[in-house]
N, C-alpha and C. Protein backbone atom coordinates (compact mmCIF):
# COMPACT_ATOMS: atom_id res chain seq x y z
N MET A 1 94.25 80.85 75.74
CA MET A 1 93.83 81.73 74.69
C MET A 1 95.01 82.46 74.07
N ASN A 2 95.93 82.90 74.84
CA ASN A 2 97.07 83.62 74.30
C ASN A 2 97.85 82.74 73.34
N ASN A 3 98.03 81.45 73.69
CA ASN A 3 98.76 80.55 72.81
C ASN A 3 98.03 80.38 71.50
N ALA A 4 96.70 80.26 71.58
CA ALA A 4 95.92 80.08 70.36
C ALA A 4 96.06 81.29 69.46
N GLN A 5 96.00 82.47 70.05
CA GLN A 5 96.09 83.65 69.23
C GLN A 5 97.48 83.83 68.67
N SER A 6 98.50 83.53 69.44
CA SER A 6 99.84 83.70 68.92
C SER A 6 100.10 82.68 67.82
N ARG A 7 99.56 81.47 67.96
CA ARG A 7 99.72 80.49 66.89
C ARG A 7 98.95 80.93 65.66
N CYS A 8 97.72 81.40 65.87
CA CYS A 8 96.88 81.77 64.74
C CYS A 8 97.33 83.08 64.12
N ALA A 9 97.82 84.01 64.93
CA ALA A 9 98.22 85.31 64.41
C ALA A 9 99.28 85.17 63.33
N GLY A 10 100.14 84.19 63.47
CA GLY A 10 101.20 84.01 62.50
C GLY A 10 100.89 82.98 61.43
N CYS A 11 99.75 82.29 61.56
CA CYS A 11 99.48 81.23 60.60
C CYS A 11 98.95 81.81 59.30
N GLN A 12 99.46 81.33 58.22
CA GLN A 12 98.99 81.73 56.90
C GLN A 12 98.23 80.53 56.35
N GLN A 13 96.93 80.68 56.26
CA GLN A 13 96.12 79.59 55.77
C GLN A 13 96.14 79.55 54.26
N ASP A 14 96.31 78.38 53.69
CA ASP A 14 96.21 78.17 52.26
C ASP A 14 94.74 78.33 51.89
N SER A 15 94.43 79.24 50.98
CA SER A 15 93.03 79.51 50.66
C SER A 15 92.31 78.29 50.10
N ALA A 16 93.04 77.36 49.51
CA ALA A 16 92.42 76.16 49.00
C ALA A 16 92.09 75.18 50.13
N LYS A 17 92.90 75.19 51.16
CA LYS A 17 92.71 74.29 52.31
C LYS A 17 92.95 75.07 53.59
N PRO A 18 91.99 75.92 53.98
CA PRO A 18 92.23 76.82 55.10
C PRO A 18 92.27 76.16 56.48
N PHE A 19 91.77 74.94 56.61
CA PHE A 19 91.66 74.34 57.93
C PHE A 19 92.36 72.98 58.00
N VAL A 20 93.55 72.92 57.42
CA VAL A 20 94.29 71.66 57.35
C VAL A 20 94.55 71.08 58.73
N GLU A 21 95.03 71.92 59.65
CA GLU A 21 95.35 71.43 61.00
C GLU A 21 94.10 70.87 61.68
N LEU A 22 92.98 71.55 61.51
CA LEU A 22 91.73 71.08 62.11
C LEU A 22 91.27 69.78 61.47
N ASP A 23 91.48 69.61 60.17
CA ASP A 23 91.07 68.39 59.49
C ASP A 23 91.73 67.16 60.11
N HIS A 24 92.97 67.30 60.54
CA HIS A 24 93.65 66.18 61.20
C HIS A 24 92.96 65.84 62.53
N ILE A 25 92.54 66.88 63.25
CA ILE A 25 91.83 66.68 64.53
C ILE A 25 90.48 66.01 64.27
N ILE A 26 89.78 66.49 63.26
CA ILE A 26 88.47 65.91 62.92
C ILE A 26 88.64 64.43 62.59
N ASP A 27 89.66 64.08 61.85
CA ASP A 27 89.92 62.66 61.53
C ASP A 27 90.14 61.83 62.80
N LEU A 28 90.85 62.41 63.78
CA LEU A 28 91.10 61.69 65.04
C LEU A 28 89.82 61.45 65.84
N TYR A 29 88.90 62.42 65.81
CA TYR A 29 87.69 62.35 66.63
C TYR A 29 86.46 61.87 65.86
N ARG A 30 86.58 61.68 64.57
CA ARG A 30 85.43 61.42 63.70
C ARG A 30 84.47 60.35 64.24
N ASN A 31 84.97 59.25 64.71
CA ASN A 31 84.11 58.13 65.12
C ASN A 31 83.88 58.05 66.63
N LYS A 32 84.23 59.09 67.35
CA LYS A 32 84.04 59.08 68.80
C LYS A 32 82.71 59.71 69.17
N GLU A 33 82.06 59.13 70.16
CA GLU A 33 80.80 59.66 70.67
C GLU A 33 81.00 61.05 71.24
N GLY A 34 80.10 61.97 70.97
CA GLY A 34 80.19 63.32 71.51
C GLY A 34 81.34 64.12 70.94
N ASN A 35 81.75 63.80 69.73
CA ASN A 35 82.94 64.42 69.15
C ASN A 35 82.77 65.90 68.81
N LEU A 36 81.57 66.36 68.58
CA LEU A 36 81.37 67.73 68.13
C LEU A 36 81.90 68.76 69.13
N ILE A 37 81.57 68.60 70.39
CA ILE A 37 82.01 69.57 71.40
C ILE A 37 83.54 69.54 71.52
N GLN A 38 84.12 68.36 71.49
CA GLN A 38 85.58 68.27 71.56
C GLN A 38 86.23 68.98 70.37
N ILE A 39 85.70 68.77 69.19
CA ILE A 39 86.24 69.39 67.98
C ILE A 39 86.06 70.90 68.04
N LEU A 40 84.91 71.37 68.52
CA LEU A 40 84.68 72.81 68.63
C LEU A 40 85.66 73.46 69.61
N HIS A 41 85.92 72.80 70.72
CA HIS A 41 86.89 73.34 71.69
C HIS A 41 88.29 73.45 71.05
N ILE A 42 88.70 72.43 70.37
CA ILE A 42 90.01 72.44 69.73
C ILE A 42 90.05 73.49 68.63
N ALA A 43 88.99 73.59 67.85
CA ALA A 43 88.94 74.59 66.77
C ALA A 43 89.05 76.00 67.35
N GLN A 44 88.35 76.25 68.44
CA GLN A 44 88.43 77.57 69.06
C GLN A 44 89.84 77.84 69.59
N GLU A 45 90.49 76.81 70.12
CA GLU A 45 91.86 76.97 70.60
C GLU A 45 92.80 77.26 69.43
N LEU A 46 92.60 76.59 68.31
CA LEU A 46 93.47 76.77 67.15
C LEU A 46 93.28 78.12 66.48
N TYR A 47 92.02 78.55 66.32
CA TYR A 47 91.72 79.72 65.50
C TYR A 47 91.24 80.92 66.29
N GLY A 48 91.08 80.77 67.61
CA GLY A 48 90.70 81.90 68.46
C GLY A 48 89.21 82.08 68.62
N TYR A 49 88.45 81.75 67.59
CA TYR A 49 86.99 81.86 67.64
C TYR A 49 86.41 81.01 66.52
N LEU A 50 85.09 80.79 66.57
CA LEU A 50 84.43 79.91 65.61
C LEU A 50 83.62 80.74 64.61
N SER A 51 84.28 81.16 63.56
CA SER A 51 83.59 81.93 62.51
C SER A 51 82.54 81.05 61.83
N LEU A 52 81.63 81.69 61.11
CA LEU A 52 80.62 80.93 60.39
C LEU A 52 81.29 80.01 59.36
N GLU A 53 82.33 80.49 58.71
CA GLU A 53 83.06 79.68 57.74
C GLU A 53 83.64 78.43 58.41
N LEU A 54 84.20 78.60 59.60
CA LEU A 54 84.76 77.47 60.34
C LEU A 54 83.66 76.50 60.77
N GLN A 55 82.53 77.01 61.22
CA GLN A 55 81.40 76.15 61.60
C GLN A 55 80.91 75.36 60.38
N GLN A 56 80.83 76.01 59.22
CA GLN A 56 80.41 75.32 58.00
C GLN A 56 81.39 74.20 57.65
N HIS A 57 82.66 74.47 57.79
CA HIS A 57 83.69 73.47 57.49
C HIS A 57 83.53 72.25 58.40
N ILE A 58 83.33 72.50 59.68
CA ILE A 58 83.16 71.40 60.65
C ILE A 58 81.91 70.60 60.32
N ALA A 59 80.82 71.30 60.03
CA ALA A 59 79.56 70.62 59.69
C ALA A 59 79.76 69.71 58.48
N GLU A 60 80.38 70.23 57.44
CA GLU A 60 80.60 69.44 56.22
C GLU A 60 81.52 68.26 56.50
N ALA A 61 82.59 68.48 57.26
CA ALA A 61 83.56 67.42 57.55
C ALA A 61 82.93 66.29 58.36
N LEU A 62 81.96 66.63 59.22
CA LEU A 62 81.32 65.62 60.06
C LEU A 62 79.99 65.14 59.47
N ASN A 63 79.65 65.66 58.29
CA ASN A 63 78.39 65.31 57.63
C ASN A 63 77.19 65.60 58.56
N LYS A 64 77.22 66.78 59.15
CA LYS A 64 76.15 67.23 60.03
C LYS A 64 75.56 68.51 59.46
N PRO A 65 74.30 68.79 59.75
CA PRO A 65 73.74 70.07 59.30
C PRO A 65 74.39 71.24 60.05
N LEU A 66 74.57 72.36 59.35
CA LEU A 66 75.14 73.56 59.96
C LEU A 66 74.32 73.97 61.17
N SER A 67 73.01 73.78 61.11
CA SER A 67 72.14 74.17 62.24
C SER A 67 72.51 73.42 63.51
N GLU A 68 72.93 72.17 63.39
CA GLU A 68 73.33 71.40 64.57
C GLU A 68 74.62 71.96 65.16
N VAL A 69 75.60 72.24 64.30
CA VAL A 69 76.88 72.78 64.77
C VAL A 69 76.66 74.16 65.38
N SER A 70 75.93 75.02 64.70
CA SER A 70 75.66 76.38 65.21
C SER A 70 74.85 76.34 66.50
N GLY A 71 73.95 75.39 66.61
CA GLY A 71 73.16 75.24 67.83
C GLY A 71 74.03 74.91 69.03
N VAL A 72 74.99 74.02 68.84
CA VAL A 72 75.92 73.66 69.92
C VAL A 72 76.81 74.86 70.26
N VAL A 73 77.30 75.55 69.23
CA VAL A 73 78.15 76.73 69.44
C VAL A 73 77.40 77.76 70.28
N THR A 74 76.15 78.02 69.94
CA THR A 74 75.35 79.01 70.65
C THR A 74 75.00 78.55 72.06
N PHE A 75 74.56 77.31 72.20
CA PHE A 75 74.14 76.80 73.50
C PHE A 75 75.27 76.83 74.51
N TYR A 76 76.46 76.43 74.09
CA TYR A 76 77.59 76.35 75.01
C TYR A 76 78.43 77.62 75.04
N SER A 77 77.96 78.67 74.42
CA SER A 77 78.61 79.99 74.47
C SER A 77 80.05 79.98 73.98
N PHE A 78 80.30 79.29 72.89
CA PHE A 78 81.60 79.39 72.24
C PHE A 78 81.72 80.80 71.67
N SER A 79 82.92 81.24 71.41
CA SER A 79 83.14 82.57 70.87
C SER A 79 82.99 82.54 69.35
N THR A 80 82.17 83.45 68.83
CA THR A 80 81.96 83.52 67.39
C THR A 80 82.56 84.78 66.79
N LYS A 81 83.23 85.56 67.62
CA LYS A 81 83.89 86.78 67.16
C LYS A 81 85.34 86.75 67.65
N PRO A 82 86.21 87.47 66.96
CA PRO A 82 87.61 87.52 67.42
C PRO A 82 87.68 88.00 68.87
N ARG A 83 88.59 87.43 69.63
CA ARG A 83 88.74 87.75 71.04
C ARG A 83 90.04 88.51 71.26
N GLY A 84 90.08 89.21 72.39
CA GLY A 84 91.26 89.97 72.74
C GLY A 84 92.40 89.09 73.22
N GLU A 85 93.54 89.70 73.34
CA GLU A 85 94.72 89.00 73.84
C GLU A 85 94.50 88.50 75.27
N HIS A 86 93.75 89.29 76.06
CA HIS A 86 93.42 88.93 77.44
C HIS A 86 91.91 89.00 77.63
N THR A 87 91.39 88.15 78.52
CA THR A 87 89.97 88.15 78.83
C THR A 87 89.77 88.63 80.26
N ILE A 88 88.97 89.67 80.39
CA ILE A 88 88.61 90.20 81.71
C ILE A 88 87.22 89.69 82.04
N ARG A 89 87.06 89.07 83.21
CA ARG A 89 85.76 88.61 83.68
C ARG A 89 85.51 89.21 85.06
N VAL A 90 84.46 89.98 85.17
CA VAL A 90 84.07 90.54 86.46
C VAL A 90 82.96 89.66 87.02
N CYS A 91 83.12 89.24 88.26
CA CYS A 91 82.11 88.41 88.90
C CYS A 91 80.92 89.26 89.31
N LEU A 92 79.73 88.78 88.95
CA LEU A 92 78.51 89.43 89.38
C LEU A 92 77.62 88.47 90.16
N GLY A 93 78.26 87.49 90.81
CA GLY A 93 77.53 86.64 91.73
C GLY A 93 77.04 87.49 92.90
N THR A 94 76.21 86.94 93.73
CA THR A 94 75.57 87.71 94.79
C THR A 94 76.57 88.48 95.65
N ALA A 95 77.57 87.81 96.19
CA ALA A 95 78.52 88.48 97.08
C ALA A 95 79.26 89.59 96.35
N CYS A 96 79.71 89.33 95.14
CA CYS A 96 80.46 90.34 94.39
C CYS A 96 79.56 91.50 93.97
N TYR A 97 78.34 91.18 93.58
CA TYR A 97 77.41 92.24 93.18
C TYR A 97 77.13 93.18 94.35
N VAL A 98 76.82 92.58 95.50
CA VAL A 98 76.48 93.37 96.69
C VAL A 98 77.66 94.23 97.15
N ARG A 99 78.87 93.74 96.94
CA ARG A 99 80.07 94.47 97.39
C ARG A 99 80.67 95.38 96.32
N GLY A 100 79.95 95.62 95.24
CA GLY A 100 80.41 96.61 94.27
C GLY A 100 80.79 96.10 92.90
N GLY A 101 80.44 94.88 92.57
CA GLY A 101 80.78 94.32 91.26
C GLY A 101 80.23 95.13 90.10
N LYS A 102 79.01 95.63 90.25
CA LYS A 102 78.39 96.42 89.17
C LYS A 102 79.16 97.71 88.94
N LYS A 103 79.69 98.33 89.99
CA LYS A 103 80.49 99.55 89.83
C LYS A 103 81.76 99.25 89.04
N ILE A 104 82.34 98.07 89.27
CA ILE A 104 83.53 97.67 88.54
C ILE A 104 83.20 97.50 87.05
N VAL A 105 82.08 96.84 86.78
CA VAL A 105 81.64 96.66 85.39
C VAL A 105 81.47 98.02 84.71
N ASP A 106 80.76 98.92 85.36
CA ASP A 106 80.53 100.24 84.79
C ASP A 106 81.84 100.98 84.52
N ALA A 107 82.76 100.92 85.48
CA ALA A 107 84.05 101.62 85.33
C ALA A 107 84.87 101.01 84.19
N LEU A 108 84.86 99.69 84.07
CA LEU A 108 85.62 99.05 83.00
C LEU A 108 85.01 99.35 81.63
N GLN A 109 83.69 99.37 81.55
CA GLN A 109 83.05 99.71 80.29
C GLN A 109 83.46 101.11 79.83
N LYS A 110 83.50 102.02 80.78
CA LYS A 110 83.89 103.39 80.46
C LYS A 110 85.37 103.47 80.11
N SER A 111 86.20 102.85 80.91
CA SER A 111 87.65 102.90 80.71
C SER A 111 88.08 102.22 79.40
N LEU A 112 87.52 101.04 79.14
CA LEU A 112 87.90 100.27 77.95
C LEU A 112 87.11 100.66 76.71
N GLN A 113 86.03 101.39 76.92
CA GLN A 113 85.13 101.81 75.84
C GLN A 113 84.56 100.62 75.07
N VAL A 114 84.07 99.65 75.84
CA VAL A 114 83.43 98.46 75.26
C VAL A 114 82.22 98.09 76.10
N ASP A 115 81.33 97.34 75.50
CA ASP A 115 80.21 96.76 76.23
C ASP A 115 80.58 95.34 76.61
N ILE A 116 79.79 94.75 77.47
CA ILE A 116 80.00 93.36 77.88
C ILE A 116 79.94 92.47 76.64
N GLY A 117 80.91 91.58 76.54
CA GLY A 117 80.97 90.66 75.41
C GLY A 117 81.77 91.18 74.23
N GLU A 118 82.27 92.40 74.32
CA GLU A 118 83.01 92.99 73.22
C GLU A 118 84.51 92.98 73.49
N THR A 119 85.26 93.25 72.42
CA THR A 119 86.71 93.32 72.48
C THR A 119 87.14 94.76 72.19
N THR A 120 88.15 95.21 72.91
CA THR A 120 88.63 96.58 72.72
C THR A 120 89.14 96.77 71.29
N ALA A 121 89.12 98.00 70.84
CA ALA A 121 89.52 98.32 69.46
C ALA A 121 90.96 97.89 69.17
N ASP A 122 91.82 97.93 70.19
CA ASP A 122 93.22 97.54 69.98
C ASP A 122 93.44 96.03 70.10
N GLY A 123 92.36 95.27 70.38
CA GLY A 123 92.47 93.82 70.48
C GLY A 123 93.13 93.33 71.75
N LYS A 124 93.30 94.20 72.71
CA LYS A 124 94.00 93.85 73.95
C LYS A 124 93.11 93.04 74.91
N PHE A 125 91.84 93.47 75.09
CA PHE A 125 90.97 92.85 76.08
C PHE A 125 89.61 92.48 75.49
N THR A 126 89.11 91.32 75.90
CA THR A 126 87.70 90.98 75.72
C THR A 126 87.09 91.08 77.10
N PHE A 127 85.95 91.76 77.20
CA PHE A 127 85.32 92.06 78.49
C PHE A 127 84.06 91.22 78.66
N GLU A 128 84.00 90.47 79.76
CA GLU A 128 82.86 89.61 80.06
C GLU A 128 82.47 89.72 81.53
N VAL A 129 81.29 89.23 81.84
CA VAL A 129 80.89 89.09 83.23
C VAL A 129 80.68 87.60 83.49
N ALA A 130 80.82 87.22 84.75
CA ALA A 130 80.60 85.84 85.16
C ALA A 130 79.58 85.85 86.28
N ARG A 131 78.78 84.84 86.36
CA ARG A 131 77.78 84.76 87.43
C ARG A 131 78.42 84.36 88.75
N CYS A 132 79.52 83.66 88.69
CA CYS A 132 80.28 83.33 89.91
C CYS A 132 81.63 82.77 89.49
N ILE A 133 82.69 83.22 90.12
CA ILE A 133 84.01 82.66 89.82
C ILE A 133 84.53 81.86 91.02
N GLY A 134 83.68 81.67 92.02
CA GLY A 134 84.06 80.85 93.17
C GLY A 134 85.01 81.54 94.13
N ALA A 135 84.94 82.86 94.18
CA ALA A 135 85.82 83.62 95.08
C ALA A 135 85.00 84.55 95.96
N CYS A 136 83.90 84.04 96.48
CA CYS A 136 82.95 84.86 97.23
C CYS A 136 83.58 85.55 98.43
N GLY A 137 84.50 84.89 99.10
CA GLY A 137 85.17 85.49 100.25
C GLY A 137 86.12 86.61 99.87
N LEU A 138 86.40 86.76 98.58
CA LEU A 138 87.32 87.79 98.10
C LEU A 138 86.57 88.93 97.41
N ALA A 139 85.26 88.93 97.53
CA ALA A 139 84.41 89.86 96.79
C ALA A 139 84.72 91.32 97.10
N PRO A 140 84.53 92.15 96.08
CA PRO A 140 84.26 91.81 94.68
C PRO A 140 85.53 91.34 93.99
N ALA A 141 85.36 90.37 93.09
CA ALA A 141 86.51 89.76 92.43
C ALA A 141 86.36 89.85 90.92
N MET A 142 87.50 89.82 90.26
CA MET A 142 87.52 89.74 88.81
C MET A 142 88.72 88.90 88.39
N MET A 143 88.68 88.42 87.18
CA MET A 143 89.77 87.63 86.64
C MET A 143 90.27 88.28 85.36
N ILE A 144 91.56 88.21 85.15
CA ILE A 144 92.13 88.50 83.85
C ILE A 144 92.88 87.24 83.47
N ASP A 145 92.42 86.62 82.40
CA ASP A 145 92.88 85.30 82.00
C ASP A 145 92.64 84.36 83.18
N ASP A 146 93.68 83.78 83.76
CA ASP A 146 93.49 82.84 84.87
C ASP A 146 93.90 83.43 86.22
N VAL A 147 94.12 84.73 86.27
CA VAL A 147 94.55 85.38 87.52
C VAL A 147 93.34 86.04 88.18
N VAL A 148 93.11 85.70 89.44
CA VAL A 148 91.99 86.27 90.20
C VAL A 148 92.48 87.49 90.98
N TYR A 149 91.73 88.57 90.89
CA TYR A 149 92.02 89.78 91.65
C TYR A 149 90.92 89.93 92.69
N LYS A 150 91.35 90.08 93.95
CA LYS A 150 90.39 90.10 95.06
C LYS A 150 90.14 91.53 95.53
N GLN A 151 88.99 91.69 96.15
CA GLN A 151 88.60 92.96 96.77
C GLN A 151 88.92 94.15 95.85
N VAL A 152 88.48 94.01 94.62
CA VAL A 152 88.72 95.03 93.60
C VAL A 152 87.79 96.21 93.85
N ASN A 153 88.32 97.40 93.63
CA ASN A 153 87.46 98.58 93.61
C ASN A 153 87.92 99.44 92.44
N ILE A 154 87.13 100.43 92.10
CA ILE A 154 87.43 101.21 90.91
C ILE A 154 88.79 101.92 90.99
N ASN A 155 89.26 102.19 92.19
CA ASN A 155 90.56 102.84 92.34
C ASN A 155 91.73 101.92 92.01
N LYS A 156 91.52 100.61 92.03
CA LYS A 156 92.57 99.64 91.73
C LYS A 156 92.63 99.26 90.25
N LEU A 157 91.61 99.61 89.49
CA LEU A 157 91.51 99.12 88.12
C LEU A 157 92.68 99.54 87.22
N ASP A 158 93.06 100.80 87.26
CA ASP A 158 94.16 101.26 86.40
C ASP A 158 95.45 100.50 86.69
N ALA A 159 95.75 100.30 87.96
CA ALA A 159 96.96 99.57 88.33
C ALA A 159 96.90 98.12 87.86
N ILE A 160 95.73 97.49 87.96
CA ILE A 160 95.57 96.11 87.52
C ILE A 160 95.74 96.04 86.01
N LEU A 161 95.07 96.89 85.28
CA LEU A 161 95.13 96.86 83.82
C LEU A 161 96.51 97.19 83.29
N SER A 162 97.25 98.02 83.99
CA SER A 162 98.59 98.41 83.53
C SER A 162 99.55 97.24 83.49
N ARG A 163 99.23 96.16 84.20
CA ARG A 163 100.08 94.96 84.18
C ARG A 163 99.99 94.24 82.84
N TYR A 164 99.00 94.58 82.06
CA TYR A 164 98.76 93.89 80.79
C TYR A 164 98.99 94.81 79.61
């Protein structure tokens, strides 16, 4: 995600052809089975999120109805809003929940001043919850980007966040 944002943050799109880079990808995948999900993943990597304008462009380029593209975007939980530089995911699987995962969620919401699924005003963090991150023995656990933090408690949060 960081690479996508850094690439996109500096990209100046030509208003006449705003998705030139994506058009090359669409041409590569056009005749492949199941191409829509692959194209959506690449588009999200390139542009950070899948705006309605971007979804419309993909639909037109693939000669598909917008409802089909939007349906896939919604079903597979692609991002439709700008995302933060870093993504925080707090595990709320059974082990993490029982060992204090909900307290971590509450503390982060208060500290970051965001709700689940939102991005901080400064664009630094997008805050999410996960049903399981596969770290049950480390509960409660959370991830920032691809780094897993184990046995997290509210007293450790400031130190963890200060690294970013």
